[in-house]
Amino acid sequence: MIRALITLILLTGVMQAAEITVTVTGVRNNNGVVAALLFSNDKGFPDAVKSAAHQSQTPSKPGTVVLKFKNVPAGRYAIAILHDEDKNGKLATNIVGIPREGVGISNGIGNSKPKFEKAVIDVKPGDNFTIPLKYW
């Protein structure tokens, strides 16, 4: 009986983790890649790859690209997007820190470094999100 209950609990947890789709709009060219990070807390948000709960990337193309996060359990997350045109794995900025590459954040991006709490969204398995890129 206990073994059956444990198996049911484990299977329920596995069934609740699924794929999340993120559609990124406004990609300006086919240089580099469009990369996405999914954070479950504020540690390292928005750009510390090692702190992200999940990551995904796809070759860049003008217009729209689609990224997928696999095996994501339901929860509260924030998504950060980078159009990494030079493929160096980090955001290129000008001398005063203004991004030279496109960026996007769940719940939209303003004119300052995004905060995790403002970017948090509730995610359920199978959800689809659209995030526009912003270029300065």
N, C-alpha and C. Protein backbone atom coordinates (compact mmCIF):
# COMPACT_ATOMS: atom_id res chain seq x y z
N MET A 1 0.81 -1.19 0.00
CA MET A 1 0.00 0.00 0.00
C MET A 1 0.86 1.26 0.00
N ILE A 2 1.87 1.32 0.86
CA ILE A 2 2.75 2.48 0.93
C ILE A 2 3.53 2.62 -0.38
N ARG A 3 4.00 1.50 -0.92
CA ARG A 3 4.75 1.52 -2.17
C ARG A 3 3.87 2.08 -3.30
N ALA A 4 2.61 1.66 -3.35
CA ALA A 4 1.69 2.16 -4.37
C ALA A 4 1.45 3.66 -4.21
N LEU A 5 1.34 4.13 -2.98
CA LEU A 5 1.13 5.54 -2.72
C LEU A 5 2.35 6.36 -3.15
N ILE A 6 3.54 5.90 -2.83
CA ILE A 6 4.77 6.58 -3.23
C ILE A 6 4.88 6.63 -4.75
N THR A 7 4.57 5.53 -5.41
CA THR A 7 4.60 5.49 -6.87
C THR A 7 3.63 6.50 -7.46
N LEU A 8 2.43 6.58 -6.91
CA LEU A 8 1.43 7.53 -7.39
C LEU A 8 1.91 8.97 -7.20
N ILE A 9 2.50 9.27 -6.07
CA ILE A 9 3.02 10.62 -5.81
C ILE A 9 4.13 10.96 -6.80
N LEU A 10 5.05 10.04 -7.03
CA LEU A 10 6.14 10.28 -7.98
C LEU A 10 5.61 10.46 -9.38
N LEU A 11 4.68 9.66 -9.81
CA LEU A 11 4.11 9.78 -11.15
C LEU A 11 3.35 11.08 -11.31
N THR A 12 2.66 11.53 -10.29
CA THR A 12 1.94 12.79 -10.35
C THR A 12 2.91 13.94 -10.56
N GLY A 13 4.03 13.93 -9.86
CA GLY A 13 5.05 14.96 -10.02
C GLY A 13 5.64 14.95 -11.41
N VAL A 14 5.88 13.78 -11.98
CA VAL A 14 6.44 13.68 -13.32
C VAL A 14 5.43 14.18 -14.34
N MET A 15 4.16 13.84 -14.17
CA MET A 15 3.14 14.25 -15.13
C MET A 15 2.91 15.76 -15.10
N GLN A 16 3.20 16.42 -14.00
CA GLN A 16 2.98 17.86 -13.92
C GLN A 16 4.12 18.65 -14.55
N ALA A 17 5.26 18.05 -14.81
CA ALA A 17 6.35 18.73 -15.48
C ALA A 17 6.17 18.53 -16.97
N ALA A 18 6.24 19.63 -17.72
CA ALA A 18 6.01 19.53 -19.16
C ALA A 18 6.78 20.62 -19.88
N GLU A 19 6.51 20.73 -21.15
CA GLU A 19 7.19 21.68 -22.00
C GLU A 19 6.51 23.05 -21.93
N ILE A 20 7.32 24.10 -21.90
CA ILE A 20 6.86 25.48 -21.94
C ILE A 20 7.38 26.08 -23.24
N THR A 21 6.52 26.79 -23.96
CA THR A 21 6.91 27.41 -25.23
C THR A 21 6.99 28.92 -25.06
N VAL A 22 8.09 29.50 -25.56
CA VAL A 22 8.26 30.95 -25.54
C VAL A 22 8.47 31.43 -26.97
N THR A 23 7.56 32.27 -27.44
CA THR A 23 7.68 32.89 -28.76
C THR A 23 8.32 34.25 -28.57
N VAL A 24 9.42 34.48 -29.26
CA VAL A 24 10.16 35.73 -29.15
C VAL A 24 9.93 36.51 -30.44
N THR A 25 9.40 37.73 -30.30
CA THR A 25 9.09 38.55 -31.47
C THR A 25 10.05 39.72 -31.58
N GLY A 26 10.14 40.27 -32.78
CA GLY A 26 10.95 41.47 -33.00
C GLY A 26 12.43 41.22 -33.17
N VAL A 27 12.83 40.00 -33.53
CA VAL A 27 14.25 39.70 -33.75
C VAL A 27 14.69 40.48 -34.99
N ARG A 28 15.77 41.26 -34.88
CA ARG A 28 16.10 42.18 -35.97
C ARG A 28 16.95 41.59 -37.09
N ASN A 29 17.64 40.48 -36.86
CA ASN A 29 18.47 39.92 -37.92
C ASN A 29 18.78 38.44 -37.64
N ASN A 30 19.58 37.84 -38.50
CA ASN A 30 19.91 36.43 -38.32
C ASN A 30 21.30 36.22 -37.73
N ASN A 31 21.86 37.23 -37.09
CA ASN A 31 23.16 37.11 -36.44
C ASN A 31 23.03 36.38 -35.11
N GLY A 32 23.88 35.42 -34.86
CA GLY A 32 23.97 34.77 -33.55
C GLY A 32 22.79 33.89 -33.20
N VAL A 33 22.43 33.92 -31.91
CA VAL A 33 21.37 33.07 -31.37
C VAL A 33 20.44 33.91 -30.50
N VAL A 34 19.24 33.38 -30.32
CA VAL A 34 18.32 33.94 -29.33
C VAL A 34 18.31 32.94 -28.18
N ALA A 35 18.67 33.40 -26.99
CA ALA A 35 18.80 32.54 -25.83
C ALA A 35 17.81 32.95 -24.75
N ALA A 36 17.30 31.97 -24.02
CA ALA A 36 16.34 32.23 -22.96
C ALA A 36 16.77 31.52 -21.68
N LEU A 37 16.57 32.20 -20.57
CA LEU A 37 16.82 31.63 -19.25
C LEU A 37 15.54 31.69 -18.44
N LEU A 38 15.25 30.62 -17.74
CA LEU A 38 14.06 30.54 -16.88
C LEU A 38 14.56 30.45 -15.44
N PHE A 39 14.21 31.45 -14.63
CA PHE A 39 14.67 31.52 -13.25
C PHE A 39 13.54 31.20 -12.28
N SER A 40 13.84 30.41 -11.26
CA SER A 40 12.85 30.09 -10.23
C SER A 40 13.00 30.98 -8.99
N ASN A 41 14.07 31.79 -8.95
CA ASN A 41 14.25 32.75 -7.86
C ASN A 41 15.14 33.89 -8.36
N ASP A 42 15.38 34.88 -7.51
CA ASP A 42 16.11 36.07 -7.95
C ASP A 42 17.62 35.89 -8.05
N LYS A 43 18.14 34.78 -7.58
CA LYS A 43 19.59 34.56 -7.61
C LYS A 43 20.07 34.53 -9.07
N GLY A 44 20.88 35.52 -9.42
CA GLY A 44 21.48 35.57 -10.75
C GLY A 44 20.60 36.15 -11.84
N PHE A 45 19.35 36.48 -11.52
CA PHE A 45 18.46 37.04 -12.54
C PHE A 45 18.94 38.42 -12.95
N PRO A 46 18.99 38.76 -14.20
CA PRO A 46 18.47 38.05 -15.36
C PRO A 46 19.51 37.36 -16.24
N ASP A 47 20.79 37.37 -15.84
CA ASP A 47 21.78 36.94 -16.82
C ASP A 47 22.78 35.87 -16.37
N ALA A 48 22.66 35.33 -15.18
CA ALA A 48 23.60 34.30 -14.71
C ALA A 48 23.12 32.92 -15.17
N VAL A 49 23.73 32.43 -16.22
CA VAL A 49 23.31 31.16 -16.82
C VAL A 49 23.32 30.03 -15.79
N LYS A 50 24.34 29.99 -14.96
CA LYS A 50 24.46 28.89 -13.99
C LYS A 50 23.37 28.93 -12.92
N SER A 51 22.75 30.08 -12.71
CA SER A 51 21.69 30.20 -11.70
C SER A 51 20.30 29.89 -12.26
N ALA A 52 20.19 29.80 -13.57
CA ALA A 52 18.88 29.57 -14.19
C ALA A 52 18.43 28.13 -13.94
N ALA A 53 17.12 27.97 -13.74
CA ALA A 53 16.54 26.64 -13.55
C ALA A 53 16.51 25.87 -14.87
N HIS A 54 16.31 26.60 -15.98
CA HIS A 54 16.27 26.00 -17.32
C HIS A 54 16.83 27.00 -18.31
N GLN A 55 17.34 26.48 -19.43
CA GLN A 55 17.81 27.36 -20.49
C GLN A 55 17.52 26.76 -21.85
N SER A 56 17.43 27.63 -22.85
CA SER A 56 17.14 27.20 -24.20
C SER A 56 17.70 28.23 -25.16
N GLN A 57 18.06 27.80 -26.35
CA GLN A 57 18.48 28.75 -27.37
C GLN A 57 18.19 28.18 -28.75
N THR A 58 18.11 29.09 -29.73
CA THR A 58 17.85 28.71 -31.11
C THR A 58 18.58 29.69 -32.01
N PRO A 59 18.93 29.28 -33.23
CA PRO A 59 19.56 30.23 -34.16
C PRO A 59 18.63 31.42 -34.40
N SER A 60 19.23 32.57 -34.55
CA SER A 60 18.47 33.79 -34.78
C SER A 60 17.96 33.83 -36.22
N LYS A 61 16.80 34.46 -36.39
CA LYS A 61 16.28 34.77 -37.72
C LYS A 61 15.39 35.99 -37.58
N PRO A 62 15.34 36.84 -38.58
CA PRO A 62 14.53 38.06 -38.46
C PRO A 62 13.06 37.73 -38.22
N GLY A 63 12.45 38.50 -37.33
CA GLY A 63 11.03 38.32 -37.03
C GLY A 63 10.79 37.57 -35.74
N THR A 64 10.37 36.30 -35.87
CA THR A 64 9.94 35.52 -34.71
C THR A 64 10.69 34.21 -34.62
N VAL A 65 11.09 33.84 -33.40
CA VAL A 65 11.67 32.53 -33.14
C VAL A 65 10.92 31.90 -31.96
N VAL A 66 11.00 30.58 -31.88
CA VAL A 66 10.31 29.86 -30.81
C VAL A 66 11.34 29.06 -30.02
N LEU A 67 11.27 29.19 -28.71
CA LEU A 67 12.14 28.44 -27.80
C LEU A 67 11.27 27.55 -26.92
N LYS A 68 11.84 26.43 -26.49
CA LYS A 68 11.12 25.48 -25.64
C LYS A 68 11.96 25.17 -24.41
N PHE A 69 11.26 25.13 -23.26
CA PHE A 69 11.85 24.64 -22.02
C PHE A 69 11.18 23.31 -21.74
N LYS A 70 11.97 22.26 -21.53
CA LYS A 70 11.41 20.93 -21.29
C LYS A 70 11.45 20.59 -19.80
N ASN A 71 10.50 19.74 -19.37
CA ASN A 71 10.45 19.24 -18.00
C ASN A 71 10.38 20.35 -16.94
N VAL A 72 9.50 21.30 -17.17
CA VAL A 72 9.33 22.42 -16.24
C VAL A 72 8.13 22.15 -15.34
N PRO A 73 8.34 22.02 -14.04
CA PRO A 73 7.21 21.87 -13.13
C PRO A 73 6.45 23.19 -12.99
N ALA A 74 5.18 23.11 -12.66
CA ALA A 74 4.40 24.32 -12.42
C ALA A 74 5.06 25.13 -11.31
N GLY A 75 4.95 26.46 -11.39
CA GLY A 75 5.53 27.31 -10.36
C GLY A 75 5.62 28.75 -10.81
N ARG A 76 6.33 29.54 -10.01
CA ARG A 76 6.56 30.95 -10.31
C ARG A 76 7.96 31.11 -10.86
N TYR A 77 8.06 31.71 -12.04
CA TYR A 77 9.33 31.86 -12.73
C TYR A 77 9.42 33.24 -13.36
N ALA A 78 10.63 33.61 -13.76
CA ALA A 78 10.84 34.80 -14.58
C ALA A 78 11.68 34.36 -15.77
N ILE A 79 11.36 34.91 -16.93
CA ILE A 79 12.06 34.56 -18.17
C ILE A 79 12.88 35.76 -18.64
N ALA A 80 14.13 35.51 -19.01
CA ALA A 80 15.01 36.53 -19.58
C ALA A 80 15.45 36.06 -20.96
N ILE A 81 15.35 36.95 -21.94
CA ILE A 81 15.71 36.64 -23.32
C ILE A 81 16.86 37.55 -23.75
N LEU A 82 17.80 37.00 -24.51
CA LEU A 82 18.90 37.77 -25.09
C LEU A 82 19.07 37.38 -26.55
N HIS A 83 19.08 38.38 -27.43
CA HIS A 83 19.50 38.14 -28.82
C HIS A 83 21.01 38.33 -28.83
N ASP A 84 21.72 37.23 -28.65
CA ASP A 84 23.19 37.23 -28.53
C ASP A 84 23.79 37.26 -29.94
N GLU A 85 23.82 38.45 -30.52
CA GLU A 85 24.24 38.60 -31.91
C GLU A 85 25.69 38.20 -32.15
N ASP A 86 26.56 38.42 -31.18
CA ASP A 86 27.97 38.06 -31.36
C ASP A 86 28.31 36.69 -30.77
N LYS A 87 27.32 35.98 -30.26
CA LYS A 87 27.47 34.61 -29.72
C LYS A 87 28.56 34.48 -28.67
N ASN A 88 28.71 35.51 -27.82
CA ASN A 88 29.72 35.41 -26.77
C ASN A 88 29.13 35.03 -25.41
N GLY A 89 27.81 34.81 -25.36
CA GLY A 89 27.18 34.35 -24.14
C GLY A 89 26.87 35.43 -23.12
N LYS A 90 27.04 36.69 -23.49
CA LYS A 90 26.71 37.77 -22.56
C LYS A 90 26.20 38.99 -23.32
N LEU A 91 25.49 39.85 -22.61
CA LEU A 91 24.90 41.04 -23.19
C LEU A 91 25.98 42.07 -23.52
N ALA A 92 26.01 42.50 -24.78
CA ALA A 92 26.93 43.56 -25.20
C ALA A 92 26.28 44.90 -24.85
N THR A 93 27.06 45.78 -24.25
CA THR A 93 26.56 47.11 -23.88
C THR A 93 27.51 48.19 -24.38
N ASN A 94 27.01 49.42 -24.45
CA ASN A 94 27.89 50.53 -24.82
C ASN A 94 28.63 51.01 -23.57
N ILE A 95 29.35 52.08 -23.70
CA ILE A 95 30.20 52.57 -22.61
C ILE A 95 29.43 52.97 -21.36
N VAL A 96 28.16 53.36 -21.50
CA VAL A 96 27.36 53.73 -20.33
C VAL A 96 26.42 52.61 -19.88
N GLY A 97 26.55 51.42 -20.47
CA GLY A 97 25.78 50.26 -20.02
C GLY A 97 24.47 50.01 -20.74
N ILE A 98 24.20 50.77 -21.78
CA ILE A 98 22.96 50.55 -22.55
C ILE A 98 23.18 49.35 -23.48
N PRO A 99 22.23 48.40 -23.47
CA PRO A 99 22.40 47.20 -24.30
C PRO A 99 22.53 47.51 -25.79
N ARG A 100 23.45 46.80 -26.46
CA ARG A 100 23.59 46.89 -27.91
C ARG A 100 22.94 45.69 -28.59
N GLU A 101 22.45 44.75 -27.79
CA GLU A 101 21.76 43.58 -28.32
C GLU A 101 20.33 43.58 -27.77
N GLY A 102 19.45 42.84 -28.43
CA GLY A 102 18.06 42.80 -28.00
C GLY A 102 17.87 42.01 -26.72
N VAL A 103 16.97 42.50 -25.88
CA VAL A 103 16.63 41.82 -24.63
C VAL A 103 15.12 41.79 -24.46
N GLY A 104 14.65 40.82 -23.71
CA GLY A 104 13.24 40.71 -23.38
C GLY A 104 13.08 40.05 -22.03
N ILE A 105 12.01 40.39 -21.34
CA ILE A 105 11.75 39.87 -20.00
C ILE A 105 10.26 39.54 -19.90
N SER A 106 9.93 38.48 -19.20
CA SER A 106 8.52 38.20 -18.93
C SER A 106 7.93 39.42 -18.22
N ASN A 107 6.71 39.78 -18.56
CA ASN A 107 6.01 40.97 -18.06
C ASN A 107 6.57 42.27 -18.62
N GLY A 108 7.40 42.21 -19.65
CA GLY A 108 7.88 43.41 -20.32
C GLY A 108 9.14 43.99 -19.72
N ILE A 109 9.82 44.77 -20.52
CA ILE A 109 11.09 45.36 -20.09
C ILE A 109 10.97 46.88 -20.06
N GLY A 110 11.57 47.47 -19.07
CA GLY A 110 11.58 48.93 -18.95
C GLY A 110 12.91 49.49 -19.43
N ASN A 111 13.35 50.55 -18.79
CA ASN A 111 14.61 51.20 -19.18
C ASN A 111 15.71 51.02 -18.15
N SER A 112 15.53 50.07 -17.23
CA SER A 112 16.57 49.78 -16.25
C SER A 112 16.69 48.27 -16.09
N LYS A 113 17.71 47.84 -15.38
CA LYS A 113 17.91 46.40 -15.20
C LYS A 113 16.67 45.80 -14.53
N PRO A 114 16.13 44.74 -15.12
CA PRO A 114 14.87 44.16 -14.59
C PRO A 114 15.05 43.52 -13.22
N LYS A 115 13.99 43.58 -12.45
CA LYS A 115 13.94 42.94 -11.14
C LYS A 115 13.14 41.66 -11.24
N PHE A 116 13.59 40.63 -10.56
CA PHE A 116 12.92 39.33 -10.59
C PHE A 116 11.45 39.45 -10.22
N GLU A 117 11.16 40.14 -9.12
CA GLU A 117 9.78 40.22 -8.63
C GLU A 117 8.82 40.85 -9.64
N LYS A 118 9.32 41.77 -10.45
CA LYS A 118 8.46 42.40 -11.46
C LYS A 118 8.29 41.51 -12.69
N ALA A 119 9.20 40.57 -12.88
CA ALA A 119 9.17 39.70 -14.06
C ALA A 119 8.49 38.35 -13.78
N VAL A 120 8.14 38.07 -12.53
CA VAL A 120 7.59 36.76 -12.16
C VAL A 120 6.24 36.51 -12.84
N ILE A 121 6.11 35.30 -13.35
CA ILE A 121 4.85 34.84 -13.94
C ILE A 121 4.53 33.47 -13.38
N ASP A 122 3.26 33.14 -13.35
CA ASP A 122 2.84 31.79 -12.95
C ASP A 122 2.88 30.90 -14.17
N VAL A 123 3.59 29.78 -14.05
CA VAL A 123 3.79 28.87 -15.18
C VAL A 123 3.14 27.54 -14.88
N LYS A 124 2.38 27.06 -15.86
CA LYS A 124 1.79 25.72 -15.79
C LYS A 124 2.33 24.93 -16.97
N PRO A 125 2.48 23.63 -16.82
CA PRO A 125 2.95 22.81 -17.94
C PRO A 125 2.08 23.04 -19.17
N GLY A 126 2.75 23.20 -20.30
CA GLY A 126 2.05 23.41 -21.55
C GLY A 126 1.78 24.87 -21.88
N ASP A 127 2.15 25.80 -20.97
CA ASP A 127 1.91 27.22 -21.22
C ASP A 127 2.71 27.72 -22.41
N ASN A 128 2.18 28.76 -23.04
CA ASN A 128 2.84 29.46 -24.14
C ASN A 128 2.93 30.94 -23.77
N PHE A 129 4.11 31.52 -23.95
CA PHE A 129 4.31 32.93 -23.66
C PHE A 129 4.91 33.62 -24.87
N THR A 130 4.56 34.88 -25.08
CA THR A 130 5.16 35.69 -26.14
C THR A 130 5.90 36.84 -25.48
N ILE A 131 7.18 36.99 -25.86
CA ILE A 131 8.01 38.04 -25.29
C ILE A 131 8.66 38.83 -26.43
N PRO A 132 8.37 40.13 -26.51
CA PRO A 132 9.01 40.96 -27.56
C PRO A 132 10.42 41.35 -27.13
N LEU A 133 11.30 41.46 -28.12
CA LEU A 133 12.64 41.96 -27.84
C LEU A 133 12.64 43.48 -27.92
N LYS A 134 13.52 44.09 -27.13
CA LYS A 134 13.70 45.53 -27.16
C LYS A 134 15.15 45.81 -27.54
N TYR A 135 15.33 46.70 -28.51
CA TYR A 135 16.65 47.15 -28.91
C TYR A 135 16.71 48.65 -28.67
N TRP A 136 17.85 49.14 -28.21
CA TRP A 136 18.00 50.58 -27.98
C TRP A 136 18.73 51.19 -29.14
